[in-house]
Structure formats: C-alpha cells, structure tokens
Amino acid sequence: MHRIAVFGMDLLAVGLLVFGLYFPRHRRRNLIVAYLGVNVGVLAVAGSLSSSAVGAGLGPGLLGVLSPRSPRAPGPAPVRDRAGGPGPSGPPAPGW
C-alpha cells in the first residue's frame, strides 16, 4: 500500500475518533489539537523510521528521549497519622 494512502487512513481514523467519539462526549476543545498533534507527530516519526536503515536502533532511543517524564516532588511527602499530626516519629511540626 502506498505511504500516502496509509497516512490518509490514519488521519481519517484519528479524525473519526476525535470528532466522532471524544468531542461529542467530553466537549473539551483544548485537547483536540493535542490529540491530533501527537498522532501526526508519532505518524511522522514512524514513517521516517520505517524508510531508513537505522530505524531499529533509533526507535528505542527516541522512545526514551521523547517519553513523558513524571514530575518529581522535592522530597518525600510528610507522613500524617489519623489525628492530623506528624507520623509516630515526634512532636507536631509547626504549621500543622
């Protein structure tokens, strides 16, 4: 199958999913651009990797670089007991 036909079918499918299922149900316009943009970006990267000889090694590297990272807190969350004070390790901290 020609590459343009595959790209067209993908865009048609994501269009049906976004505008046929997601938008009528949730009505969030701000995520429509995000869903379409991520799909087109992934499609472009997959298309470029499938036509090159370095696709097998570059694909996992791009996955590691482009994968979403979870935000990390500056430290562990404080432990509280059921009474609202700190954990069993000492007196209540200021401001609790």
C-alpha atoms as a PDB file:
ATOM      1  CA  MET A   1       0.000   0.000   0.000  1.00  0.00           C
ATOM      2  CA  HIS A   2       1.284   3.448  -0.791  1.00  0.00           C
ATOM      3  CA  ARG A   3       2.580   5.564   2.062  1.00  0.00           C
ATOM      4  CA  ILE A   4       0.216   8.441   1.276  1.00  0.00           C
ATOM      5  CA  ALA A   5      -2.770   6.080   1.456  1.00  0.00           C
ATOM      6  CA  VAL A   6      -1.632   4.795   4.857  1.00  0.00           C
ATOM      7  CA  PHE A   7      -1.164   8.341   6.163  1.00  0.00           C
ATOM      8  CA  GLY A   8      -4.587   9.310   4.809  1.00  0.00           C
ATOM      9  CA  MET A   9      -6.253   6.326   6.502  1.00  0.00           C
ATOM     10  CA  ASP A  10      -4.539   7.178   9.767  1.00  0.00           C
ATOM     11  CA  LEU A  11      -5.695  10.793   9.617  1.00  0.00           C
ATOM     12  CA  LEU A  12      -9.216   9.647   8.753  1.00  0.00           C
ATOM     13  CA  ALA A  13      -9.237   7.201  11.666  1.00  0.00           C
ATOM     14  CA  VAL A  14      -7.956   9.739  14.216  1.00  0.00           C
ATOM     15  CA  GLY A  15     -10.412  12.290  12.869  1.00  0.00           C
ATOM     16  CA  LEU A  16     -13.289   9.864  13.397  1.00  0.00           C
ATOM     17  CA  LEU A  17     -12.090   9.021  16.892  1.00  0.00           C
ATOM     18  CA  VAL A  18     -11.574  12.621  17.969  1.00  0.00           C
ATOM     19  CA  PHE A  19     -14.564  14.268  16.297  1.00  0.00           C
ATOM     20  CA  GLY A  20     -16.915  11.268  16.346  1.00  0.00           C
ATOM     21  CA  LEU A  21     -16.298   9.871  19.825  1.00  0.00           C
ATOM     22  CA  TYR A  22     -14.211  12.150  22.012  1.00  0.00           C
ATOM     23  CA  PHE A  23     -15.513  15.651  21.264  1.00  0.00           C
ATOM     24  CA  PRO A  24     -19.264  14.909  21.304  1.00  0.00           C
ATOM     25  CA  ARG A  25     -18.877  13.195  24.665  1.00  0.00           C
ATOM     26  CA  HIS A  26     -16.412  15.434  26.544  1.00  0.00           C
ATOM     27  CA  ARG A  27     -16.645  18.827  24.757  1.00  0.00           C
ATOM     28  CA  ARG A  28     -13.042  19.811  25.545  1.00  0.00           C
ATOM     29  CA  ARG A  29     -11.755  21.798  22.593  1.00  0.00           C
ATOM     30  CA  ASN A  30      -8.298  22.296  24.081  1.00  0.00           C
ATOM     31  CA  LEU A  31      -7.418  18.595  23.835  1.00  0.00           C
ATOM     32  CA  ILE A  32      -8.462  18.193  20.203  1.00  0.00           C
ATOM     33  CA  VAL A  33      -5.290  19.921  18.997  1.00  0.00           C
ATOM     34  CA  ALA A  34      -3.191  17.864  21.408  1.00  0.00           C
ATOM     35  CA  TYR A  35      -4.633  14.531  20.233  1.00  0.00           C
ATOM     36  CA  LEU A  36      -4.269  15.419  16.567  1.00  0.00           C
ATOM     37  CA  GLY A  37      -0.764  16.836  17.086  1.00  0.00           C
ATOM     38  CA  VAL A  38       0.511  13.796  18.961  1.00  0.00           C
ATOM     39  CA  ASN A  39      -0.941  11.465  16.341  1.00  0.00           C
ATOM     40  CA  VAL A  40       0.597  13.383  13.444  1.00  0.00           C
ATOM     41  CA  GLY A  41       3.949  13.559  15.276  1.00  0.00           C
ATOM     42  CA  VAL A  42       4.021   9.841  16.011  1.00  0.00           C
ATOM     43  CA  LEU A  43       2.952   9.107  12.439  1.00  0.00           C
ATOM     44  CA  ALA A  44       5.764  11.294  11.068  1.00  0.00           C
ATOM     45  CA  VAL A  45       8.406   9.658  13.255  1.00  0.00           C
ATOM     46  CA  ALA A  46       7.141   6.156  12.469  1.00  0.00           C
ATOM     47  CA  GLY A  47       7.068   6.938   8.771  1.00  0.00           C
ATOM     48  CA  SER A  48      10.603   8.302   8.766  1.00  0.00           C
ATOM     49  CA  LEU A  49      11.945   5.363  10.783  1.00  0.00           C
ATOM     50  CA  SER A  50      10.270   2.805   8.543  1.00  0.00           C
ATOM     51  CA  SER A  51      12.004   4.177   5.467  1.00  0.00           C
ATOM     52  CA  SER A  52      15.522   4.383   6.913  1.00  0.00           C
ATOM     53  CA  ALA A  53      18.108   1.732   7.693  1.00  0.00           C
ATOM     54  CA  VAL A  54      18.755   2.988  11.236  1.00  0.00           C
ATOM     55  CA  GLY A  55      15.164   2.521  12.388  1.00  0.00           C
ATOM     56  CA  ALA A  56      15.836  -0.482  14.607  1.00  0.00           C
ATOM     57  CA  GLY A  57      18.378   1.348  16.770  1.00  0.00           C
ATOM     58  CA  LEU A  58      16.986   4.846  16.620  1.00  0.00           C
ATOM     59  CA  GLY A  59      13.406   3.906  17.557  1.00  0.00           C
ATOM     60  CA  PRO A  60      14.077   2.810  21.158  1.00  0.00           C
ATOM     61  CA  GLY A  61      16.391   5.789  21.634  1.00  0.00           C
ATOM     62  CA  LEU A  62      13.682   8.207  20.540  1.00  0.00           C
ATOM     63  CA  LEU A  63      11.202   6.427  22.785  1.00  0.00           C
ATOM     64  CA  GLY A  64      13.458   7.008  25.769  1.00  0.00           C
ATOM     65  CA  VAL A  65      14.064  10.653  24.920  1.00  0.00           C
ATOM     66  CA  LEU A  66      10.506  11.578  23.976  1.00  0.00           C
ATOM     67  CA  SER A  67       8.665   9.584  26.631  1.00  0.00           C
ATOM     68  CA  PRO A  68       6.799  11.724  29.134  1.00  0.00           C
ATOM     69  CA  ARG A  69       8.539  12.209  32.426  1.00  0.00           C
ATOM     70  CA  SER A  70       6.584  12.386  35.655  1.00  0.00           C
ATOM     71  CA  PRO A  71       7.208  15.496  37.743  1.00  0.00           C
ATOM     72  CA  ARG A  72       9.179  14.692  40.823  1.00  0.00           C
ATOM     73  CA  ALA A  73       8.480  16.239  44.203  1.00  0.00           C
ATOM     74  CA  PRO A  74      11.447  17.839  46.006  1.00  0.00           C
ATOM     75  CA  GLY A  75      11.295  15.245  48.748  1.00  0.00           C
ATOM     76  CA  PRO A  76       9.129  12.551  50.258  1.00  0.00           C
ATOM     77  CA  ALA A  77       5.635  13.522  51.295  1.00  0.00           C
ATOM     78  CA  PRO A  78       5.192  14.022  55.039  1.00  0.00           C
ATOM     79  CA  VAL A  79       3.560  11.177  56.921  1.00  0.00           C
ATOM     80  CA  ARG A  80       0.491  12.082  58.955  1.00  0.00           C
ATOM     81  CA  ASP A  81      -1.396   9.976  61.406  1.00  0.00           C
ATOM     82  CA  ARG A  82      -5.184   9.943  61.712  1.00  0.00           C
ATOM     83  CA  ALA A  83      -5.165  12.695  64.320  1.00  0.00           C
ATOM     84  CA  GLY A  84      -3.652  15.141  61.834  1.00  0.00           C
ATOM     85  CA  GLY A  85      -0.223  15.418  63.403  1.00  0.00           C
ATOM     86  CA  PRO A  86       3.022  14.079  62.004  1.00  0.00           C
ATOM     87  CA  GLY A  87       3.761  10.413  62.000  1.00  0.00           C
ATOM     88  CA  PRO A  88       4.853   8.477  65.053  1.00  0.00           C
ATOM     89  CA  SER A  89       8.343   9.968  64.949  1.00  0.00           C
ATOM     90  CA  GLY A  90       7.987  13.085  67.089  1.00  0.00           C
ATOM     91  CA  PRO A  91       6.109  16.196  68.125  1.00  0.00           C
ATOM     92  CA  PRO A  92       3.859  18.057  65.683  1.00  0.00           C
ATOM     93  CA  ALA A  93       5.641  20.186  63.114  1.00  0.00           C
ATOM     94  CA  PRO A  94       4.954  23.951  63.057  1.00  0.00           C
ATOM     95  CA  GLY A  95       2.045  24.913  60.840  1.00  0.00           C
ATOM     96  CA  TRP A  96       0.159  21.633  61.084  1.00  0.00           C
END
